[in-house]
């Protein structure tokens, strides 16, 4: 599972074998036993949350939005 970047103890990554056909562009965010999945397309939105509180989720969505191009570039480089 390729890690795109880490930030303040959060690991932003995607699974290399998730979905057939492959799911749309998204990123997983993990910290300890907590994980969230965030869609980047067609629009930025939370797919699921396992353990993060509302404030942390808002922060994570901002971090993903700020790094959207970086995430998309890593996704495209990996899957092409």
C-alpha atoms as a PDB file:
ATOM      1  CA  UNK A   1       0.000   0.000   0.000  1.00  0.00           C
ATOM      2  CA  UNK A   2       1.681   3.159  -1.235  1.00  0.00           C
ATOM      3  CA  UNK A   3       2.059   5.917   1.347  1.00  0.00           C
ATOM      4  CA  UNK A   4       1.679   9.306  -0.328  1.00  0.00           C
ATOM      5  CA  UNK A   5       2.758  11.366   2.703  1.00  0.00           C
ATOM      6  CA  UNK A   6       2.648  11.611   6.480  1.00  0.00           C
ATOM      7  CA  UNK A   7       1.538  14.656   8.443  1.00  0.00           C
ATOM      8  CA  UNK A   8       1.372  15.160  12.230  1.00  0.00           C
ATOM      9  CA  UNK A   9       1.287  11.421  12.868  1.00  0.00           C
ATOM     10  CA  UNK A  10      -1.329  10.697  10.171  1.00  0.00           C
ATOM     11  CA  UNK A  11      -0.444   8.400   7.293  1.00  0.00           C
ATOM     12  CA  UNK A  12      -2.097   9.200   3.939  1.00  0.00           C
ATOM     13  CA  UNK A  13      -2.127   6.178   1.624  1.00  0.00           C
ATOM     14  CA  UNK A  14      -4.125   4.069  -0.799  1.00  0.00           C
ATOM     15  CA  UNK A  15      -4.412   0.328  -1.271  1.00  0.00           C
ATOM     16  CA  UNK A  16      -2.886  -1.046  -4.447  1.00  0.00           C
ATOM     17  CA  UNK A  17      -5.565  -3.717  -4.911  1.00  0.00           C
ATOM     18  CA  UNK A  18      -8.767  -2.015  -3.798  1.00  0.00           C
ATOM     19  CA  UNK A  19     -11.771  -2.670  -5.998  1.00  0.00           C
ATOM     20  CA  UNK A  20     -12.359  -4.340  -9.333  1.00  0.00           C
ATOM     21  CA  UNK A  21     -12.940  -2.252 -11.256  1.00  0.00           C
ATOM     22  CA  UNK A  22     -10.739   0.247  -9.428  1.00  0.00           C
ATOM     23  CA  UNK A  23     -12.598   2.726  -7.265  1.00  0.00           C
ATOM     24  CA  UNK A  24     -12.436   6.445  -8.091  1.00  0.00           C
ATOM     25  CA  UNK A  25      -9.585   8.534  -6.735  1.00  0.00           C
ATOM     26  CA  UNK A  26      -9.507   8.461  -2.941  1.00  0.00           C
ATOM     27  CA  UNK A  27      -7.111   8.405   0.015  1.00  0.00           C
ATOM     28  CA  UNK A  28      -7.074   6.549   3.322  1.00  0.00           C
ATOM     29  CA  UNK A  29      -5.882   8.279   6.482  1.00  0.00           C
ATOM     30  CA  UNK A  30      -4.632   6.220   9.400  1.00  0.00           C
ATOM     31  CA  UNK A  31      -3.406   7.081  12.869  1.00  0.00           C
ATOM     32  CA  UNK A  32      -3.129   4.245  15.375  1.00  0.00           C
ATOM     33  CA  UNK A  33      -6.332   2.204  15.218  1.00  0.00           C
ATOM     34  CA  UNK A  34      -8.335   4.975  13.500  1.00  0.00           C
ATOM     35  CA  UNK A  35      -8.923   5.183   9.771  1.00  0.00           C
ATOM     36  CA  UNK A  36     -10.945   7.262   7.342  1.00  0.00           C
ATOM     37  CA  UNK A  37     -11.435   7.102   3.597  1.00  0.00           C
ATOM     38  CA  UNK A  38     -11.875  10.307   1.612  1.00  0.00           C
ATOM     39  CA  UNK A  39     -13.058  10.551  -1.996  1.00  0.00           C
ATOM     40  CA  UNK A  40     -11.284  13.171  -4.085  1.00  0.00           C
ATOM     41  CA  UNK A  41     -13.465  12.737  -7.155  1.00  0.00           C
ATOM     42  CA  UNK A  42     -16.022  13.593  -8.266  1.00  0.00           C
ATOM     43  CA  UNK A  43     -15.826  15.885  -5.219  1.00  0.00           C
ATOM     44  CA  UNK A  44     -14.017  15.906  -1.898  1.00  0.00           C
ATOM     45  CA  UNK A  45     -16.125  13.998   0.636  1.00  0.00           C
ATOM     46  CA  UNK A  46     -15.836  11.512   3.456  1.00  0.00           C
ATOM     47  CA  UNK A  47     -16.450   7.902   2.368  1.00  0.00           C
ATOM     48  CA  UNK A  48     -16.186   6.382   5.842  1.00  0.00           C
ATOM     49  CA  UNK A  49     -14.809   7.050   9.285  1.00  0.00           C
ATOM     50  CA  UNK A  50     -13.680   4.588  11.918  1.00  0.00           C
ATOM     51  CA  UNK A  51     -12.773   6.417  15.104  1.00  0.00           C
ATOM     52  CA  UNK A  52     -12.027  10.061  14.290  1.00  0.00           C
ATOM     53  CA  UNK A  53     -14.008  12.842  15.954  1.00  0.00           C
ATOM     54  CA  UNK A  54     -15.692  15.624  13.950  1.00  0.00           C
ATOM     55  CA  UNK A  55     -12.923  18.166  14.539  1.00  0.00           C
ATOM     56  CA  UNK A  56     -10.203  15.778  13.380  1.00  0.00           C
ATOM     57  CA  UNK A  57     -12.239  14.895  10.288  1.00  0.00           C
ATOM     58  CA  UNK A  58     -12.566  18.581   9.380  1.00  0.00           C
ATOM     59  CA  UNK A  59      -8.791  18.958   9.755  1.00  0.00           C
ATOM     60  CA  UNK A  60      -8.155  15.852   7.646  1.00  0.00           C
ATOM     61  CA  UNK A  61     -10.446  17.093   4.878  1.00  0.00           C
ATOM     62  CA  UNK A  62      -8.521  20.385   4.807  1.00  0.00           C
ATOM     63  CA  UNK A  63      -5.188  18.550   4.636  1.00  0.00           C
ATOM     64  CA  UNK A  64      -6.446  16.376   1.786  1.00  0.00           C
ATOM     65  CA  UNK A  65      -7.813  19.409  -0.062  1.00  0.00           C
ATOM     66  CA  UNK A  66      -4.466  21.195   0.308  1.00  0.00           C
ATOM     67  CA  UNK A  67      -2.625  18.123  -1.006  1.00  0.00           C
ATOM     68  CA  UNK A  68      -5.146  17.088  -3.654  1.00  0.00           C
ATOM     69  CA  UNK A  69      -2.749  17.531  -6.591  1.00  0.00           C
ATOM     70  CA  UNK A  70      -0.014  15.618  -4.790  1.00  0.00           C
ATOM     71  CA  UNK A  71      -2.373  12.734  -4.033  1.00  0.00           C
ATOM     72  CA  UNK A  72      -3.722  12.635  -7.579  1.00  0.00           C
ATOM     73  CA  UNK A  73      -0.212  12.682  -9.039  1.00  0.00           C
ATOM     74  CA  UNK A  74       0.868   9.756  -6.815  1.00  0.00           C
ATOM     75  CA  UNK A  75      -2.319   7.836  -7.715  1.00  0.00           C
ATOM     76  CA  UNK A  76      -1.791   8.323 -11.450  1.00  0.00           C
ATOM     77  CA  UNK A  77       1.908   7.447 -11.296  1.00  0.00           C
ATOM     78  CA  UNK A  78       1.174   4.245  -9.381  1.00  0.00           C
ATOM     79  CA  UNK A  79      -1.763   2.990 -11.461  1.00  0.00           C
ATOM     80  CA  UNK A  80      -0.423   3.858 -14.925  1.00  0.00           C
END
